[in-house]
C-alpha atoms as a PDB file:
ATOM      1  CA  UNK A   1      67.994 228.969 244.356  1.00  0.00           C
ATOM      2  CA  UNK A   2      67.543 225.737 244.955  1.00  0.00           C
ATOM      3  CA  UNK A   3      68.036 223.318 247.702  1.00  0.00           C
ATOM      4  CA  UNK A   4      69.322 219.449 247.831  1.00  0.00           C
ATOM      5  CA  UNK A   5      66.307 216.809 248.571  1.00  0.00           C
ATOM      6  CA  UNK A   6      69.200 215.394 251.408  1.00  0.00           C
ATOM      7  CA  UNK A   7      68.534 218.876 253.194  1.00  0.00           C
ATOM      8  CA  UNK A   8      65.087 219.018 252.803  1.00  0.00           C
ATOM      9  CA  UNK A   9      64.768 214.758 254.135  1.00  0.00           C
ATOM     10  CA  UNK A  10      67.128 216.372 257.236  1.00  0.00           C
ATOM     11  CA  UNK A  11      65.046 218.855 257.889  1.00  0.00           C
ATOM     12  CA  UNK A  12      62.437 216.670 258.266  1.00  0.00           C
ATOM     13  CA  UNK A  13      64.499 214.012 260.197  1.00  0.00           C
ATOM     14  CA  UNK A  14      64.710 217.018 262.899  1.00  0.00           C
ATOM     15  CA  UNK A  15      61.390 217.172 263.119  1.00  0.00           C
ATOM     16  CA  UNK A  16      60.085 214.227 262.919  1.00  0.00           C
ATOM     17  CA  UNK A  17      63.260 211.692 263.606  1.00  0.00           C
ATOM     18  CA  UNK A  18      63.379 208.310 261.634  1.00  0.00           C
ATOM     19  CA  UNK A  19      63.605 206.418 264.979  1.00  0.00           C
ATOM     20  CA  UNK A  20      60.334 207.745 266.148  1.00  0.00           C
ATOM     21  CA  UNK A  21      58.541 205.305 263.295  1.00  0.00           C
ATOM     22  CA  UNK A  22      56.578 201.899 264.343  1.00  0.00           C
ATOM     23  CA  UNK A  23      58.709 199.337 262.993  1.00  0.00           C
ATOM     24  CA  UNK A  24      56.217 198.274 260.396  1.00  0.00           C
ATOM     25  CA  UNK A  25      56.286 201.702 259.173  1.00  0.00           C
ATOM     26  CA  UNK A  26      58.098 202.961 255.869  1.00  0.00           C
ATOM     27  CA  UNK A  27      59.069 206.381 256.657  1.00  0.00           C
ATOM     28  CA  UNK A  28      61.953 209.006 254.684  1.00  0.00           C
ATOM     29  CA  UNK A  29      62.929 209.381 251.355  1.00  0.00           C
ATOM     30  CA  UNK A  30      60.816 206.834 249.185  1.00  0.00           C
ATOM     31  CA  UNK A  31      61.478 207.628 245.662  1.00  0.00           C
ATOM     32  CA  UNK A  32      64.257 210.258 244.385  1.00  0.00           C
ATOM     33  CA  UNK A  33      67.878 211.232 243.991  1.00  0.00           C
ATOM     34  CA  UNK A  34      69.631 212.806 247.670  1.00  0.00           C
ATOM     35  CA  UNK A  35      71.462 215.059 245.349  1.00  0.00           C
ATOM     36  CA  UNK A  36      68.387 216.402 243.260  1.00  0.00           C
ATOM     37  CA  UNK A  37      68.021 219.965 243.458  1.00  0.00           C
ATOM     38  CA  UNK A  38      64.941 220.812 244.624  1.00  0.00           C
ATOM     39  CA  UNK A  39      62.211 224.663 243.626  1.00  0.00           C
ATOM     40  CA  UNK A  40      58.916 223.438 244.036  1.00  0.00           C
ATOM     41  CA  UNK A  41      57.324 221.917 247.359  1.00  0.00           C
ATOM     42  CA  UNK A  42      54.417 220.301 247.361  1.00  0.00           C
ATOM     43  CA  UNK A  43      53.232 218.999 251.142  1.00  0.00           C
ATOM     44  CA  UNK A  44      50.039 216.382 251.246  1.00  0.00           C
ATOM     45  CA  UNK A  45      48.330 213.716 253.181  1.00  0.00           C
ATOM     46  CA  UNK A  46      48.679 210.919 250.537  1.00  0.00           C
ATOM     47  CA  UNK A  47      50.349 210.574 247.123  1.00  0.00           C
ATOM     48  CA  UNK A  48      47.432 210.061 244.850  1.00  0.00           C
ATOM     49  CA  UNK A  49      47.064 210.517 240.752  1.00  0.00           C
ATOM     50  CA  UNK A  50      45.730 213.711 241.787  1.00  0.00           C
ATOM     51  CA  UNK A  51      48.251 214.641 243.463  1.00  0.00           C
ATOM     52  CA  UNK A  52      50.773 213.294 241.271  1.00  0.00           C
ATOM     53  CA  UNK A  53      48.372 215.029 238.175  1.00  0.00           C
ATOM     54  CA  UNK A  54      49.282 218.300 240.332  1.00  0.00           C
ATOM     55  CA  UNK A  55      52.910 218.305 241.023  1.00  0.00           C
ATOM     56  CA  UNK A  56      53.568 217.605 237.126  1.00  0.00           C
ATOM     57  CA  UNK A  57      51.465 220.103 236.207  1.00  0.00           C
ATOM     58  CA  UNK A  58      52.745 222.638 238.564  1.00  0.00           C
ATOM     59  CA  UNK A  59      56.695 221.567 237.549  1.00  0.00           C
ATOM     60  CA  UNK A  60      56.940 220.453 241.365  1.00  0.00           C
ATOM     61  CA  UNK A  61      60.204 218.325 241.760  1.00  0.00           C
ATOM     62  CA  UNK A  62      59.297 216.878 245.785  1.00  0.00           C
ATOM     63  CA  UNK A  63      56.488 215.789 247.414  1.00  0.00           C
ATOM     64  CA  UNK A  64      56.616 215.689 251.175  1.00  0.00           C
ATOM     65  CA  UNK A  65      53.515 213.214 252.734  1.00  0.00           C
ATOM     66  CA  UNK A  66      52.367 211.640 255.518  1.00  0.00           C
ATOM     67  CA  UNK A  67      50.779 208.464 254.222  1.00  0.00           C
ATOM     68  CA  UNK A  68      53.489 206.426 252.443  1.00  0.00           C
ATOM     69  CA  UNK A  69      52.925 205.563 248.652  1.00  0.00           C
ATOM     70  CA  UNK A  70      55.456 202.713 249.228  1.00  0.00           C
ATOM     71  CA  UNK A  71      54.042 200.695 252.304  1.00  0.00           C
ATOM     72  CA  UNK A  72      54.347 197.434 251.764  1.00  0.00           C
ATOM     73  CA  UNK A  73      57.395 195.381 250.078  1.00  0.00           C
ATOM     74  CA  UNK A  74      57.539 195.629 246.201  1.00  0.00           C
ATOM     75  CA  UNK A  75      58.137 192.891 244.205  1.00  0.00           C
ATOM     76  CA  UNK A  76      57.400 193.998 240.637  1.00  0.00           C
ATOM     77  CA  UNK A  77      56.472 197.906 238.871  1.00  0.00           C
ATOM     78  CA  UNK A  78      53.415 197.288 236.277  1.00  0.00           C
ATOM     79  CA  UNK A  79      52.510 200.472 234.793  1.00  0.00           C
ATOM     80  CA  UNK A  80      48.665 199.218 234.417  1.00  0.00           C
ATOM     81  CA  UNK A  81      48.729 199.056 238.609  1.00  0.00           C
ATOM     82  CA  UNK A  82      47.462 201.662 239.795  1.00  0.00           C
ATOM     83  CA  UNK A  83      50.706 202.088 242.405  1.00  0.00           C
ATOM     84  CA  UNK A  84      53.088 201.090 239.282  1.00  0.00           C
ATOM     85  CA  UNK A  85      51.447 203.874 237.189  1.00  0.00           C
ATOM     86  CA  UNK A  86      52.210 206.697 240.225  1.00  0.00           C
ATOM     87  CA  UNK A  87      55.904 205.236 240.902  1.00  0.00           C
ATOM     88  CA  UNK A  88      56.760 205.652 236.912  1.00  0.00           C
ATOM     89  CA  UNK A  89      54.879 208.854 236.998  1.00  0.00           C
ATOM     90  CA  UNK A  90      57.082 209.988 239.698  1.00  0.00           C
ATOM     91  CA  UNK A  91      60.120 208.850 238.301  1.00  0.00           C
ATOM     92  CA  UNK A  92      59.287 209.548 234.524  1.00  0.00           C
ATOM     93  CA  UNK A  93      58.995 213.291 236.111  1.00  0.00           C
ATOM     94  CA  UNK A  94      61.459 213.678 238.469  1.00  0.00           C
ATOM     95  CA  UNK A  95      59.871 213.828 241.477  1.00  0.00           C
ATOM     96  CA  UNK A  96      61.114 212.705 245.047  1.00  0.00           C
ATOM     97  CA  UNK A  97      58.639 212.051 247.524  1.00  0.00           C
ATOM     98  CA  UNK A  98      59.621 211.819 251.196  1.00  0.00           C
ATOM     99  CA  UNK A  99      56.893 210.222 253.912  1.00  0.00           C
ATOM    100  CA  UNK A 100      56.701 211.498 257.528  1.00  0.00           C
ATOM    101  CA  UNK A 101      54.125 208.926 259.296  1.00  0.00           C
ATOM    102  CA  UNK A 102      54.083 207.373 262.531  1.00  0.00           C
ATOM    103  CA  UNK A 103      57.173 209.414 263.460  1.00  0.00           C
ATOM    104  CA  UNK A 104      54.953 212.658 262.662  1.00  0.00           C
ATOM    105  CA  UNK A 105      52.247 211.181 265.012  1.00  0.00           C
ATOM    106  CA  UNK A 106      54.517 211.200 267.621  1.00  0.00           C
ATOM    107  CA  UNK A 107      56.631 214.098 267.123  1.00  0.00           C
ATOM    108  CA  UNK A 108      56.429 217.473 269.118  1.00  0.00           C
ATOM    109  CA  UNK A 109      54.949 220.082 266.917  1.00  0.00           C
ATOM    110  CA  UNK A 110      53.604 216.924 264.755  1.00  0.00           C
ATOM    111  CA  UNK A 111      50.183 215.731 263.901  1.00  0.00           C
ATOM    112  CA  UNK A 112      48.543 215.221 267.475  1.00  0.00           C
ATOM    113  CA  UNK A 113      50.619 217.929 268.841  1.00  0.00           C
ATOM    114  CA  UNK A 114      49.224 220.292 266.149  1.00  0.00           C
ATOM    115  CA  UNK A 115      45.619 218.628 265.897  1.00  0.00           C
ATOM    116  CA  UNK A 116      45.504 219.428 270.087  1.00  0.00           C
ATOM    117  CA  UNK A 117      46.614 223.280 269.118  1.00  0.00           C
ATOM    118  CA  UNK A 118      44.238 223.962 266.690  1.00  0.00           C
ATOM    119  CA  UNK A 119      41.146 222.547 268.411  1.00  0.00           C
ATOM    120  CA  UNK A 120      43.104 225.622 271.485  1.00  0.00           C
ATOM    121  CA  UNK A 121      43.764 223.255 273.646  1.00  0.00           C
ATOM    122  CA  UNK A 122      46.216 224.698 276.825  1.00  0.00           C
ATOM    123  CA  UNK A 123      48.815 222.668 279.122  1.00  0.00           C
ATOM    124  CA  UNK A 124      49.553 220.075 276.105  1.00  0.00           C
ATOM    125  CA  UNK A 125      51.672 217.067 277.537  1.00  0.00           C
ATOM    126  CA  UNK A 126      51.970 213.471 276.373  1.00  0.00           C
ATOM    127  CA  UNK A 127      48.705 211.741 277.369  1.00  0.00           C
ATOM    128  CA  UNK A 128      51.310 209.067 278.463  1.00  0.00           C
ATOM    129  CA  UNK A 129      54.856 208.313 278.095  1.00  0.00           C
ATOM    130  CA  UNK A 130      56.549 205.904 275.890  1.00  0.00           C
ATOM    131  CA  UNK A 131      60.328 206.018 275.630  1.00  0.00           C
ATOM    132  CA  UNK A 132      60.908 206.068 272.026  1.00  0.00           C
ATOM    133  CA  UNK A 133      64.777 207.502 271.893  1.00  0.00           C
ATOM    134  CA  UNK A 134      67.599 206.805 274.624  1.00  0.00           C
ATOM    135  CA  UNK A 135      70.461 208.296 274.223  1.00  0.00           C
ATOM    136  CA  UNK A 136      73.945 206.653 275.577  1.00  0.00           C
ATOM    137  CA  UNK A 137      75.355 208.536 278.097  1.00  0.00           C
ATOM    138  CA  UNK A 138      72.021 209.558 279.354  1.00  0.00           C
ATOM    139  CA  UNK A 139      70.574 209.560 282.802  1.00  0.00           C
ATOM    140  CA  UNK A 140      66.945 207.933 282.214  1.00  0.00           C
ATOM    141  CA  UNK A 141      65.391 210.858 284.112  1.00  0.00           C
ATOM    142  CA  UNK A 142      66.920 213.034 281.261  1.00  0.00           C
ATOM    143  CA  UNK A 143      65.623 210.381 278.428  1.00  0.00           C
ATOM    144  CA  UNK A 144      63.175 212.125 275.923  1.00  0.00           C
ATOM    145  CA  UNK A 145      59.927 210.247 276.003  1.00  0.00           C
ATOM    146  CA  UNK A 146      57.398 210.495 273.209  1.00  0.00           C
ATOM    147  CA  UNK A 147      53.470 209.317 272.753  1.00  0.00           C
ATOM    148  CA  UNK A 148      51.088 209.759 269.885  1.00  0.00           C
ATOM    149  CA  UNK A 149      47.841 210.650 272.085  1.00  0.00           C
ATOM    150  CA  UNK A 150      47.808 214.115 273.860  1.00  0.00           C
ATOM    151  CA  UNK A 151      46.077 215.816 276.495  1.00  0.00           C
ATOM    152  CA  UNK A 152      45.102 219.335 277.080  1.00  0.00           C
ATOM    153  CA  UNK A 153      42.834 221.584 278.297  1.00  0.00           C
ATOM    154  CA  UNK A 154      40.027 224.148 277.489  1.00  0.00           C
ATOM    155  CA  UNK A 155      40.722 226.957 278.552  1.00  0.00           C
ATOM    156  CA  UNK A 156      37.389 227.663 279.391  1.00  0.00           C
ATOM    157  CA  UNK A 157      34.615 224.654 279.561  1.00  0.00           C
ATOM    158  CA  UNK A 158      32.173 224.104 277.094  1.00  0.00           C
ATOM    159  CA  UNK A 159      29.029 222.036 277.020  1.00  0.00           C
ATOM    160  CA  UNK A 160      29.376 219.067 275.047  1.00  0.00           C
ATOM    161  CA  UNK A 161      27.044 219.974 272.264  1.00  0.00           C
ATOM    162  CA  UNK A 162      29.447 223.287 271.948  1.00  0.00           C
ATOM    163  CA  UNK A 163      32.410 221.018 272.133  1.00  0.00           C
ATOM    164  CA  UNK A 164      31.406 218.852 268.857  1.00  0.00           C
ATOM    165  CA  UNK A 165      30.495 222.369 267.268  1.00  0.00           C
ATOM    166  CA  UNK A 166      33.698 223.748 267.995  1.00  0.00           C
ATOM    167  CA  UNK A 167      35.374 220.651 266.897  1.00  0.00           C
ATOM    168  CA  UNK A 168      33.236 220.772 263.368  1.00  0.00           C
ATOM    169  CA  UNK A 169      34.482 224.105 262.687  1.00  0.00           C
ATOM    170  CA  UNK A 170      37.911 223.797 263.739  1.00  0.00           C
ATOM    171  CA  UNK A 171      38.229 220.647 261.186  1.00  0.00           C
ATOM    172  CA  UNK A 172      35.294 221.697 258.577  1.00  0.00           C
ATOM    173  CA  UNK A 173      33.751 218.799 258.583  1.00  0.00           C
ATOM    174  CA  UNK A 174      29.930 218.887 258.711  1.00  0.00           C
ATOM    175  CA  UNK A 175      29.378 215.667 260.938  1.00  0.00           C
ATOM    176  CA  UNK A 176      31.353 213.927 263.592  1.00  0.00           C
ATOM    177  CA  UNK A 177      30.162 209.908 265.320  1.00  0.00           C
ATOM    178  CA  UNK A 178      29.946 210.903 269.080  1.00  0.00           C
ATOM    179  CA  UNK A 179      30.189 207.561 271.806  1.00  0.00           C
ATOM    180  CA  UNK A 180      28.508 208.345 274.625  1.00  0.00           C
ATOM    181  CA  UNK A 181      25.275 208.502 276.178  1.00  0.00           C
ATOM    182  CA  UNK A 182      22.453 210.198 274.450  1.00  0.00           C
ATOM    183  CA  UNK A 183      22.342 212.484 278.259  1.00  0.00           C
ATOM    184  CA  UNK A 184      25.993 213.739 277.993  1.00  0.00           C
ATOM    185  CA  UNK A 185      24.787 215.730 274.883  1.00  0.00           C
ATOM    186  CA  UNK A 186      23.311 218.450 276.498  1.00  0.00           C
ATOM    187  CA  UNK A 187      24.728 218.152 280.197  1.00  0.00           C
ATOM    188  CA  UNK A 188      28.291 216.715 279.962  1.00  0.00           C
ATOM    189  CA  UNK A 189      31.252 219.431 280.057  1.00  0.00           C
ATOM    190  CA  UNK A 190      34.345 219.444 278.469  1.00  0.00           C
ATOM    191  CA  UNK A 191      37.398 220.524 280.303  1.00  0.00           C
ATOM    192  CA  UNK A 192      40.005 218.341 279.797  1.00  0.00           C
ATOM    193  CA  UNK A 193      40.877 216.554 276.227  1.00  0.00           C
ATOM    194  CA  UNK A 194      42.799 213.807 274.732  1.00  0.00           C
ATOM    195  CA  UNK A 195      43.761 213.871 271.143  1.00  0.00           C
ATOM    196  CA  UNK A 196      44.606 211.191 268.814  1.00  0.00           C
ATOM    197  CA  UNK A 197      44.609 211.451 265.181  1.00  0.00           C
ATOM    198  CA  UNK A 198      43.619 209.248 262.228  1.00  0.00           C
ATOM    199  CA  UNK A 199      42.841 205.443 263.108  1.00  0.00           C
ATOM    200  CA  UNK A 200      41.980 204.907 266.864  1.00  0.00           C
ATOM    201  CA  UNK A 201      44.341 202.449 268.805  1.00  0.00           C
ATOM    202  CA  UNK A 202      41.890 200.409 270.630  1.00  0.00           C
ATOM    203  CA  UNK A 203      44.944 199.534 273.100  1.00  0.00           C
ATOM    204  CA  UNK A 204      45.487 203.340 274.417  1.00  0.00           C
ATOM    205  CA  UNK A 205      42.219 203.090 276.329  1.00  0.00           C
ATOM    206  CA  UNK A 206      43.956 201.089 279.164  1.00  0.00           C
ATOM    207  CA  UNK A 207      45.832 204.440 279.572  1.00  0.00           C
ATOM    208  CA  UNK A 208      42.868 206.424 279.940  1.00  0.00           C
ATOM    209  CA  UNK A 209      41.805 207.637 283.522  1.00  0.00           C
ATOM    210  CA  UNK A 210      38.281 209.566 284.270  1.00  0.00           C
ATOM    211  CA  UNK A 211      40.501 212.897 283.946  1.00  0.00           C
ATOM    212  CA  UNK A 212      39.800 212.637 280.829  1.00  0.00           C
ATOM    213  CA  UNK A 213      36.388 214.153 279.707  1.00  0.00           C
ATOM    214  CA  UNK A 214      36.483 213.108 276.022  1.00  0.00           C
ATOM    215  CA  UNK A 215      39.102 211.905 273.171  1.00  0.00           C
ATOM    216  CA  UNK A 216      38.609 213.470 269.978  1.00  0.00           C
ATOM    217  CA  UNK A 217      40.101 211.095 267.133  1.00  0.00           C
ATOM    218  CA  UNK A 218      39.089 209.235 263.829  1.00  0.00           C
ATOM    219  CA  UNK A 219      38.041 205.679 262.562  1.00  0.00           C
ATOM    220  CA  UNK A 220      36.548 204.379 265.952  1.00  0.00           C
ATOM    221  CA  UNK A 221      36.228 200.385 265.007  1.00  0.00           C
ATOM    222  CA  UNK A 222      32.469 199.061 266.437  1.00  0.00           C
ATOM    223  CA  UNK A 223      33.856 196.748 269.154  1.00  0.00           C
ATOM    224  CA  UNK A 224      35.946 200.069 270.291  1.00  0.00           C
ATOM    225  CA  UNK A 225      33.260 202.031 270.720  1.00  0.00           C
ATOM    226  CA  UNK A 226      31.473 199.419 272.742  1.00  0.00           C
ATOM    227  CA  UNK A 227      34.032 198.842 275.053  1.00  0.00           C
ATOM    228  CA  UNK A 228      34.061 202.828 275.538  1.00  0.00           C
ATOM    229  CA  UNK A 229      30.932 202.539 276.470  1.00  0.00           C
ATOM    230  CA  UNK A 230      31.510 199.904 278.917  1.00  0.00           C
ATOM    231  CA  UNK A 231      33.616 201.513 280.707  1.00  0.00           C
ATOM    232  CA  UNK A 232      32.603 205.482 280.486  1.00  0.00           C
ATOM    233  CA  UNK A 233      35.186 207.090 277.791  1.00  0.00           C
ATOM    234  CA  UNK A 234      33.389 209.693 275.688  1.00  0.00           C
ATOM    235  CA  UNK A 235      34.292 210.078 272.316  1.00  0.00           C
ATOM    236  CA  UNK A 236      34.464 211.779 268.547  1.00  0.00           C
ATOM    237  CA  UNK A 237      35.160 210.131 265.446  1.00  0.00           C
ATOM    238  CA  UNK A 238      36.068 213.060 263.009  1.00  0.00           C
ATOM    239  CA  UNK A 239      37.420 211.054 260.760  1.00  0.00           C
ATOM    240  CA  UNK A 240      40.715 209.874 260.003  1.00  0.00           C
ATOM    241  CA  UNK A 241      41.424 212.627 257.190  1.00  0.00           C
ATOM    242  CA  UNK A 242      40.330 215.445 259.678  1.00  0.00           C
ATOM    243  CA  UNK A 243      42.104 214.765 262.062  1.00  0.00           C
ATOM    244  CA  UNK A 244      45.398 214.550 259.998  1.00  0.00           C
ATOM    245  CA  UNK A 245      45.042 216.856 257.369  1.00  0.00           C
ATOM    246  CA  UNK A 246      45.334 219.523 260.057  1.00  0.00           C
ATOM    247  CA  UNK A 247      49.658 218.768 260.125  1.00  0.00           C
ATOM    248  CA  UNK A 248      49.370 219.760 255.857  1.00  0.00           C
ATOM    249  CA  UNK A 249      49.675 223.562 256.636  1.00  0.00           C
ATOM    250  CA  UNK A 250      51.332 223.535 259.758  1.00  0.00           C
ATOM    251  CA  UNK A 251      54.915 221.412 257.710  1.00  0.00           C
ATOM    252  CA  UNK A 252      53.704 224.243 255.248  1.00  0.00           C
ATOM    253  CA  UNK A 253      54.936 227.168 257.393  1.00  0.00           C
ATOM    254  CA  UNK A 254      57.934 225.502 259.274  1.00  0.00           C
ATOM    255  CA  UNK A 255      59.090 224.544 255.358  1.00  0.00           C
ATOM    256  CA  UNK A 256      58.956 227.701 254.552  1.00  0.00           C
ATOM    257  CA  UNK A 257      60.238 229.305 257.894  1.00  0.00           C
ATOM    258  CA  UNK A 258      63.414 227.219 257.139  1.00  0.00           C
ATOM    259  CA  UNK A 259      64.168 227.402 253.715  1.00  0.00           C
ATOM    260  CA  UNK A 260      62.684 230.979 252.130  1.00  0.00           C
ATOM    261  CA  UNK A 261      64.122 230.222 248.673  1.00  0.00           C
ATOM    262  CA  UNK A 262      61.830 227.101 248.170  1.00  0.00           C
ATOM    263  CA  UNK A 263      58.073 227.447 246.802  1.00  0.00           C
ATOM    264  CA  UNK A 264      56.101 225.528 249.329  1.00  0.00           C
ATOM    265  CA  UNK A 265      52.440 224.367 248.379  1.00  0.00           C
ATOM    266  CA  UNK A 266      50.183 222.560 250.467  1.00  0.00           C
ATOM    267  CA  UNK A 267      47.447 220.718 249.110  1.00  0.00           C
ATOM    268  CA  UNK A 268      44.514 219.908 251.892  1.00  0.00           C
ATOM    269  CA  UNK A 269      41.963 219.899 248.852  1.00  0.00           C
ATOM    270  CA  UNK A 270      42.329 216.159 248.650  1.00  0.00           C
ATOM    271  CA  UNK A 271      39.684 214.001 247.211  1.00  0.00           C
ATOM    272  CA  UNK A 272      38.072 212.130 250.298  1.00  0.00           C
ATOM    273  CA  UNK A 273      37.309 208.634 249.559  1.00  0.00           C
ATOM    274  CA  UNK A 274      33.870 208.530 251.122  1.00  0.00           C
ATOM    275  CA  UNK A 275      31.120 209.917 250.128  1.00  0.00           C
ATOM    276  CA  UNK A 276      27.527 210.050 252.283  1.00  0.00           C
ATOM    277  CA  UNK A 277      24.281 208.791 250.531  1.00  0.00           C
END
């Protein structure tokens, strides 16, 4: 049995409303026919050549990715260009592509929420409230609030060095980058944690109070790290891929439960762009 592409897109819009996306983002159905009948679905972080070839080989006719294949405006599609080649392959093989990016970062049960759950945090909340979906006729206090970053508490506090091992194990990474004082590695105790998946946004530092023991994030820039040291904030940089790839199995589970007749495959073994030498 098949499901219309538009029905799958509609369900994704319920999980992560398109209105939650940042203005600069490109989300929703990016390639494809809303009326296409879908029977096999692939969920991934990025639409790469490897992913497209896998989809073709396995007769998958829809891809749901976190990062958009088409981000900036395209003025031409040339088949010898890497992106043009991928777009051509997708269209030629009738593979639709749907993207849920910053809207999924903000969403309840989205990327940051899933990262917090994976780290076994309890009492998960918005780290700070950003009103994103005002509704006509709804009183201000009843409007829904969303935040990229989430906070939560460990059931049992951990020494920092043990928390680092916990993060590495959960995210399946061999190392993390630590921002903080050397003495904290042995002495600091972690209880309240903030998570911010993907690329760390330096703007959130102004919202952080000293109730937060540590931030788990990715892609911390040099000057952001210096600022963290100056204001006494500890952070773990576990990488862009690891802090976001956690959403793939979560989305797969939700899609399988909603559309049990669909064959839903999660691809979490994507090629990572960096190699430690």
